[in-house]
Amino acid sequence: MQSLLVPSVSLPVGKRRAISIGKRFRVKAMRAVVQRVASASVEVDGRIVSEIGPGLLVLVGIHHSDSDSDADYICRKVLNMRLFQNENNGKTWDHSVIQKNYQVLLVSQFTLYGFLKGNKPDFHVAMPPQQAKTFYASLVDRFRNAYNPDAIKDGVFGAMMKVNLQFPNSFVWVPLLLQYLNNAYVKNPHTVMTGRNTVDAAES
């Protein structure tokens, strides 16, 4: 069983991009770090408040400009990503969490929008707590409406959470970072290819 103390700091990462190493950039986009797990749970004050069996652990970072379209994209992508093996034909990346009838554990994680200013993280682009609480609740509802409500679990918004997870098949599976980049901008002198659209960049 692996343990992950929340919050943690995430450096900004895009999809496909032409960016020189060391250049500073900003991306306006909801972020979701998706980790396939054999099991996962959330503890608050030493008490397990939510847990799942096989499925996906999803850390969600909300940008202050995020809208319903961002939430729709993250919900649709997470539920339909083919990250699991098809036991019938042996294909590795063939089934979604829905097709496997697995569970999803959502955890709000504002520090996914931590940017390093020198050696100190800055979180000013994250959505303010009260607004984010309402937005996050609507995101959880989206997942429950799109899938089996009993299969969608979540943590406690704003609490100091300890997230425990067990990796499948006794190996560490590198998590995926999803971003909705329809309204993105990047501070870099290059043009950034996102896979969904092209983002023009400006000198930082």
C-alpha atoms as a PDB file:
ATOM      1  CA  MET A   1       0.000   0.000   0.000  1.00  0.00           C
ATOM      2  CA  GLN A   2       1.387   3.378  -1.030  1.00  0.00           C
ATOM      3  CA  SER A   3       0.496   6.588   0.789  1.00  0.00           C
ATOM      4  CA  LEU A   4       0.203  10.049  -0.707  1.00  0.00           C
ATOM      5  CA  LEU A   5      -0.245  13.071   1.545  1.00  0.00           C
ATOM      6  CA  VAL A   6      -2.419  15.764   0.001  1.00  0.00           C
ATOM      7  CA  PRO A   7      -1.557  18.520  -0.826  1.00  0.00           C
ATOM      8  CA  SER A   8       1.502  18.109  -3.011  1.00  0.00           C
ATOM      9  CA  VAL A   9       3.018  20.323  -5.705  1.00  0.00           C
ATOM     10  CA  SER A  10       2.699  19.649  -9.425  1.00  0.00           C
ATOM     11  CA  LEU A  11       4.783  21.429 -12.036  1.00  0.00           C
ATOM     12  CA  PRO A  12       2.766  22.665 -15.035  1.00  0.00           C
ATOM     13  CA  VAL A  13       2.682  20.065 -17.800  1.00  0.00           C
ATOM     14  CA  GLY A  14       0.965  20.309 -21.175  1.00  0.00           C
ATOM     15  CA  LYS A  15       0.149  17.692 -23.796  1.00  0.00           C
ATOM     16  CA  ARG A  16       2.299  17.874 -26.944  1.00  0.00           C
ATOM     17  CA  ARG A  17       4.198  21.140 -26.982  1.00  0.00           C
ATOM     18  CA  ALA A  18       7.185  22.804 -28.648  1.00  0.00           C
ATOM     19  CA  ILE A  19       8.728  24.470 -25.610  1.00  0.00           C
ATOM     20  CA  SER A  20      12.392  25.084 -24.863  1.00  0.00           C
ATOM     21  CA  ILE A  21      13.491  23.589 -21.561  1.00  0.00           C
ATOM     22  CA  GLY A  22      13.738  26.249 -18.891  1.00  0.00           C
ATOM     23  CA  LYS A  23      11.123  28.544 -20.449  1.00  0.00           C
ATOM     24  CA  ARG A  24       8.330  29.675 -18.177  1.00  0.00           C
ATOM     25  CA  PHE A  25       4.765  29.044 -19.267  1.00  0.00           C
ATOM     26  CA  ARG A  26       1.191  29.207 -18.030  1.00  0.00           C
ATOM     27  CA  VAL A  27      -1.750  27.084 -19.123  1.00  0.00           C
ATOM     28  CA  LYS A  28      -5.366  27.927 -18.359  1.00  0.00           C
ATOM     29  CA  ALA A  29      -6.978  24.507 -18.149  1.00  0.00           C
ATOM     30  CA  MET A  30      -8.610  22.145 -15.709  1.00  0.00           C
ATOM     31  CA  ARG A  31      -6.155  19.416 -14.717  1.00  0.00           C
ATOM     32  CA  ALA A  32      -6.762  15.815 -13.739  1.00  0.00           C
ATOM     33  CA  VAL A  33      -4.024  13.380 -12.766  1.00  0.00           C
ATOM     34  CA  VAL A  34      -5.356   9.884 -13.470  1.00  0.00           C
ATOM     35  CA  GLN A  35      -3.826   6.860 -11.730  1.00  0.00           C
ATOM     36  CA  ARG A  36      -4.953   3.290 -12.309  1.00  0.00           C
ATOM     37  CA  VAL A  37      -5.209   1.472  -8.968  1.00  0.00           C
ATOM     38  CA  ALA A  38      -6.008  -1.915  -7.475  1.00  0.00           C
ATOM     39  CA  SER A  39      -7.554  -0.021  -4.554  1.00  0.00           C
ATOM     40  CA  ALA A  40      -7.494   3.458  -3.035  1.00  0.00           C
ATOM     41  CA  SER A  41      -8.871   5.264  -0.010  1.00  0.00           C
ATOM     42  CA  VAL A  42      -9.021   8.709   1.575  1.00  0.00           C
ATOM     43  CA  GLU A  43      -8.373   9.305   5.273  1.00  0.00           C
ATOM     44  CA  VAL A  44      -9.275  12.442   7.217  1.00  0.00           C
ATOM     45  CA  ASP A  45      -8.148  12.707  10.848  1.00  0.00           C
ATOM     46  CA  GLY A  46      -7.180   9.035  10.815  1.00  0.00           C
ATOM     47  CA  ARG A  47     -10.601   7.864   9.605  1.00  0.00           C
ATOM     48  CA  ILE A  48     -11.323   6.374   6.173  1.00  0.00           C
ATOM     49  CA  VAL A  49     -14.012   8.542   4.597  1.00  0.00           C
ATOM     50  CA  SER A  50     -14.023   7.020   1.118  1.00  0.00           C
ATOM     51  CA  GLU A  51     -12.543   3.974  -0.620  1.00  0.00           C
ATOM     52  CA  ILE A  52     -12.678   2.034  -3.874  1.00  0.00           C
ATOM     53  CA  GLY A  53     -11.522  -1.289  -5.238  1.00  0.00           C
ATOM     54  CA  PRO A  54     -10.073  -1.615  -8.758  1.00  0.00           C
ATOM     55  CA  GLY A  55     -10.451   1.538 -10.806  1.00  0.00           C
ATOM     56  CA  LEU A  56      -9.092   5.056 -11.136  1.00  0.00           C
ATOM     57  CA  LEU A  57      -7.802   7.577  -8.620  1.00  0.00           C
ATOM     58  CA  VAL A  58      -8.279  11.071 -10.066  1.00  0.00           C
ATOM     59  CA  LEU A  59      -6.701  14.195  -8.557  1.00  0.00           C
ATOM     60  CA  VAL A  60      -8.520  17.277  -9.867  1.00  0.00           C
ATOM     61  CA  GLY A  61      -7.052  20.784 -10.090  1.00  0.00           C
ATOM     62  CA  ILE A  62      -9.470  23.614 -10.910  1.00  0.00           C
ATOM     63  CA  HIS A  63      -8.316  26.808 -12.638  1.00  0.00           C
ATOM     64  CA  HIS A  64     -10.062  30.072 -11.746  1.00  0.00           C
ATOM     65  CA  SER A  65     -11.395  30.394 -15.318  1.00  0.00           C
ATOM     66  CA  ASP A  66     -12.762  26.846 -15.638  1.00  0.00           C
ATOM     67  CA  SER A  67     -16.297  26.419 -16.934  1.00  0.00           C
ATOM     68  CA  ASP A  68     -18.842  23.667 -17.575  1.00  0.00           C
ATOM     69  CA  SER A  69     -17.080  22.698 -20.815  1.00  0.00           C
ATOM     70  CA  ASP A  70     -13.900  21.932 -18.862  1.00  0.00           C
ATOM     71  CA  ALA A  71     -15.813  19.718 -16.442  1.00  0.00           C
ATOM     72  CA  ASP A  72     -17.616  17.951 -19.293  1.00  0.00           C
ATOM     73  CA  TYR A  73     -14.325  17.178 -21.032  1.00  0.00           C
ATOM     74  CA  ILE A  74     -12.623  15.785 -17.914  1.00  0.00           C
ATOM     75  CA  CYS A  75     -15.642  13.662 -17.021  1.00  0.00           C
ATOM     76  CA  ARG A  76     -15.994  12.250 -20.524  1.00  0.00           C
ATOM     77  CA  LYS A  77     -12.283  11.529 -20.914  1.00  0.00           C
ATOM     78  CA  VAL A  78     -11.792   9.868 -17.527  1.00  0.00           C
ATOM     79  CA  LEU A  79     -14.788   7.580 -17.940  1.00  0.00           C
ATOM     80  CA  ASN A  80     -13.918   6.585 -21.511  1.00  0.00           C
ATOM     81  CA  MET A  81     -10.115   6.304 -21.405  1.00  0.00           C
ATOM     82  CA  ARG A  82      -9.137   2.753 -22.344  1.00  0.00           C
ATOM     83  CA  LEU A  83      -6.648   1.976 -19.586  1.00  0.00           C
ATOM     84  CA  PHE A  84      -7.601  -1.597 -18.733  1.00  0.00           C
ATOM     85  CA  GLN A  85      -7.028  -5.000 -20.272  1.00  0.00           C
ATOM     86  CA  ASN A  86      -9.706  -6.851 -22.181  1.00  0.00           C
ATOM     87  CA  GLU A  87      -9.731 -10.292 -20.600  1.00  0.00           C
ATOM     88  CA  ASN A  88     -11.487 -11.799 -23.620  1.00  0.00           C
ATOM     89  CA  ASN A  89      -8.911 -10.957 -26.295  1.00  0.00           C
ATOM     90  CA  GLY A  90      -5.866 -10.088 -24.168  1.00  0.00           C
ATOM     91  CA  LYS A  91      -5.565  -6.531 -25.494  1.00  0.00           C
ATOM     92  CA  THR A  92      -3.859  -4.337 -22.898  1.00  0.00           C
ATOM     93  CA  TRP A  93      -5.374  -0.893 -23.548  1.00  0.00           C
ATOM     94  CA  ASP A  94      -8.879  -1.876 -24.577  1.00  0.00           C
ATOM     95  CA  HIS A  95     -11.449  -1.279 -21.819  1.00  0.00           C
ATOM     96  CA  SER A  96     -12.614   1.805 -19.956  1.00  0.00           C
ATOM     97  CA  VAL A  97     -13.516   1.997 -16.287  1.00  0.00           C
ATOM     98  CA  ILE A  98     -17.178   1.816 -17.348  1.00  0.00           C
ATOM     99  CA  GLN A  99     -16.667  -1.323 -19.433  1.00  0.00           C
ATOM    100  CA  LYS A 100     -14.867  -2.981 -16.519  1.00  0.00           C
ATOM    101  CA  ASN A 101     -17.575  -1.860 -14.078  1.00  0.00           C
ATOM    102  CA  TYR A 102     -14.821  -0.425 -11.880  1.00  0.00           C
ATOM    103  CA  GLN A 103     -14.888   2.557  -9.534  1.00  0.00           C
ATOM    104  CA  VAL A 104     -13.545   6.129  -9.577  1.00  0.00           C
ATOM    105  CA  LEU A 105     -12.208   8.059  -6.579  1.00  0.00           C
ATOM    106  CA  LEU A 106     -12.135  11.842  -7.118  1.00  0.00           C
ATOM    107  CA  VAL A 107      -9.951  14.054  -4.921  1.00  0.00           C
ATOM    108  CA  SER A 108      -9.875  17.842  -5.182  1.00  0.00           C
ATOM    109  CA  GLN A 109      -6.244  18.985  -5.394  1.00  0.00           C
ATOM    110  CA  PHE A 110      -5.687  22.719  -5.802  1.00  0.00           C
ATOM    111  CA  THR A 111      -1.901  22.276  -5.716  1.00  0.00           C
ATOM    112  CA  LEU A 112      -2.016  20.855  -9.244  1.00  0.00           C
ATOM    113  CA  TYR A 113      -2.002  24.567 -10.035  1.00  0.00           C
ATOM    114  CA  GLY A 114       1.168  25.251  -8.101  1.00  0.00           C
ATOM    115  CA  PHE A 115       3.787  27.179 -10.064  1.00  0.00           C
ATOM    116  CA  LEU A 116       7.288  27.621  -8.737  1.00  0.00           C
ATOM    117  CA  LYS A 117       8.355  31.251  -8.345  1.00  0.00           C
ATOM    118  CA  GLY A 118      11.959  30.686  -7.417  1.00  0.00           C
ATOM    119  CA  ASN A 119      11.749  27.915  -4.832  1.00  0.00           C
ATOM    120  CA  LYS A 120       8.308  28.830  -3.473  1.00  0.00           C
ATOM    121  CA  PRO A 121       5.078  27.452  -4.973  1.00  0.00           C
ATOM    122  CA  ASP A 122       2.385  29.910  -5.990  1.00  0.00           C
ATOM    123  CA  PHE A 123      -1.283  28.916  -6.307  1.00  0.00           C
ATOM    124  CA  HIS A 124      -2.902  32.169  -7.427  1.00  0.00           C
ATOM    125  CA  VAL A 125      -4.345  30.693 -10.632  1.00  0.00           C
ATOM    126  CA  ALA A 126      -6.325  28.042  -8.749  1.00  0.00           C
ATOM    127  CA  MET A 127     -10.024  28.768  -8.315  1.00  0.00           C
ATOM    128  CA  PRO A 128     -10.819  30.402  -4.922  1.00  0.00           C
ATOM    129  CA  PRO A 129     -11.971  27.869  -2.277  1.00  0.00           C
ATOM    130  CA  GLN A 130     -15.668  28.776  -1.995  1.00  0.00           C
ATOM    131  CA  GLN A 131     -16.164  28.934  -5.750  1.00  0.00           C
ATOM    132  CA  ALA A 132     -14.080  25.792  -6.261  1.00  0.00           C
ATOM    133  CA  LYS A 133     -16.136  23.857  -3.697  1.00  0.00           C
ATOM    134  CA  THR A 134     -19.326  24.445  -5.694  1.00  0.00           C
ATOM    135  CA  PHE A 135     -17.594  23.731  -9.004  1.00  0.00           C
ATOM    136  CA  TYR A 136     -16.027  20.521  -7.682  1.00  0.00           C
ATOM    137  CA  ALA A 137     -19.399  19.326  -6.354  1.00  0.00           C
ATOM    138  CA  SER A 138     -20.901  19.852  -9.813  1.00  0.00           C
ATOM    139  CA  LEU A 139     -18.031  17.846 -11.325  1.00  0.00           C
ATOM    140  CA  VAL A 140     -18.725  14.935  -8.963  1.00  0.00           C
ATOM    141  CA  ASP A 141     -22.409  15.107  -9.940  1.00  0.00           C
ATOM    142  CA  ARG A 142     -21.418  14.945 -13.610  1.00  0.00           C
ATOM    143  CA  PHE A 143     -19.501  11.737 -13.009  1.00  0.00           C
ATOM    144  CA  ARG A 144     -22.397  10.199 -11.077  1.00  0.00           C
ATOM    145  CA  ASN A 145     -24.923  11.165 -13.743  1.00  0.00           C
ATOM    146  CA  ALA A 146     -22.722   9.758 -16.524  1.00  0.00           C
ATOM    147  CA  TYR A 147     -21.979   6.462 -14.761  1.00  0.00           C
ATOM    148  CA  ASN A 148     -23.206   4.356 -11.847  1.00  0.00           C
ATOM    149  CA  PRO A 149     -23.546   6.834  -8.923  1.00  0.00           C
ATOM    150  CA  ASP A 150     -22.437   4.179  -6.435  1.00  0.00           C
ATOM    151  CA  ALA A 151     -19.171   3.715  -8.358  1.00  0.00           C
ATOM    152  CA  ILE A 152     -18.120   7.367  -7.949  1.00  0.00           C
ATOM    153  CA  LYS A 153     -16.471   8.257  -4.634  1.00  0.00           C
ATOM    154  CA  ASP A 154     -14.838  11.476  -3.513  1.00  0.00           C
ATOM    155  CA  GLY A 155     -12.789  12.962  -0.704  1.00  0.00           C
ATOM    156  CA  VAL A 156     -13.641  15.832   1.650  1.00  0.00           C
ATOM    157  CA  PHE A 157     -13.204  19.199  -0.029  1.00  0.00           C
ATOM    158  CA  GLY A 158     -10.819  21.496   1.823  1.00  0.00           C
ATOM    159  CA  ALA A 159      -9.712  18.865   4.346  1.00  0.00           C
ATOM    160  CA  MET A 160      -6.151  17.672   4.881  1.00  0.00           C
ATOM    161  CA  MET A 161      -6.442  14.237   3.296  1.00  0.00           C
ATOM    162  CA  LYS A 162      -4.190  11.221   3.285  1.00  0.00           C
ATOM    163  CA  VAL A 163      -4.660   9.274   0.074  1.00  0.00           C
ATOM    164  CA  ASN A 164      -3.683   5.601   0.158  1.00  0.00           C
ATOM    165  CA  LEU A 165      -3.347   3.619  -3.045  1.00  0.00           C
ATOM    166  CA  GLN A 166      -2.284   0.180  -4.156  1.00  0.00           C
ATOM    167  CA  PHE A 167      -0.833  -0.110  -7.634  1.00  0.00           C
ATOM    168  CA  PRO A 168      -2.125  -2.918  -9.869  1.00  0.00           C
ATOM    169  CA  ASN A 169       0.039  -5.938 -10.693  1.00  0.00           C
ATOM    170  CA  SER A 170       2.740  -4.927  -8.202  1.00  0.00           C
ATOM    171  CA  PHE A 171       4.248  -2.216 -10.407  1.00  0.00           C
ATOM    172  CA  VAL A 172       4.086   1.553 -10.473  1.00  0.00           C
ATOM    173  CA  TRP A 173       1.948   2.757 -13.362  1.00  0.00           C
ATOM    174  CA  VAL A 174       2.805   6.290 -14.429  1.00  0.00           C
ATOM    175  CA  PRO A 175      -0.269   8.530 -14.022  1.00  0.00           C
ATOM    176  CA  LEU A 176      -1.708  10.480 -16.937  1.00  0.00           C
ATOM    177  CA  LEU A 177      -2.333  14.212 -16.799  1.00  0.00           C
ATOM    178  CA  LEU A 178      -5.419  15.413 -18.648  1.00  0.00           C
ATOM    179  CA  GLN A 179      -6.045  19.026 -19.539  1.00  0.00           C
ATOM    180  CA  TYR A 180      -8.842  20.727 -21.384  1.00  0.00           C
ATOM    181  CA  LEU A 181      -6.958  23.262 -23.501  1.00  0.00           C
ATOM    182  CA  ASN A 182      -9.735  24.941 -25.434  1.00  0.00           C
ATOM    183  CA  ASN A 183      -9.050  28.267 -23.668  1.00  0.00           C
ATOM    184  CA  ALA A 184      -5.329  27.832 -23.027  1.00  0.00           C
ATOM    185  CA  TYR A 185      -2.501  30.304 -23.304  1.00  0.00           C
ATOM    186  CA  VAL A 186       1.199  29.748 -22.803  1.00  0.00           C
ATOM    187  CA  LYS A 187       3.929  32.288 -22.030  1.00  0.00           C
ATOM    188  CA  ASN A 188       6.636  31.046 -24.353  1.00  0.00           C
ATOM    189  CA  PRO A 189       7.993  32.297 -27.705  1.00  0.00           C
ATOM    190  CA  HIS A 190       6.806  29.182 -29.529  1.00  0.00           C
ATOM    191  CA  THR A 191       3.528  27.856 -30.841  1.00  0.00           C
ATOM    192  CA  VAL A 192       2.213  24.996 -28.748  1.00  0.00           C
ATOM    193  CA  MET A 193       0.508  21.961 -30.249  1.00  0.00           C
ATOM    194  CA  THR A 194      -2.000  20.565 -27.765  1.00  0.00           C
ATOM    195  CA  GLY A 195      -3.584  17.757 -29.741  1.00  0.00           C
ATOM    196  CA  ARG A 196      -6.984  19.515 -29.547  1.00  0.00           C
ATOM    197  CA  ASN A 197      -5.971  22.910 -30.892  1.00  0.00           C
ATOM    198  CA  THR A 198      -3.029  25.216 -31.451  1.00  0.00           C
ATOM    199  CA  VAL A 199      -2.059  27.696 -28.747  1.00  0.00           C
ATOM    200  CA  ASP A 200      -0.162  30.849 -29.645  1.00  0.00           C
ATOM    201  CA  ALA A 201       2.559  31.707 -27.160  1.00  0.00           C
ATOM    202  CA  ALA A 202       4.053  35.033 -26.103  1.00  0.00           C
ATOM    203  CA  GLU A 203       7.399  35.921 -24.606  1.00  0.00           C
ATOM    204  CA  SER A 204       7.426  35.651 -20.806  1.00  0.00           C
END
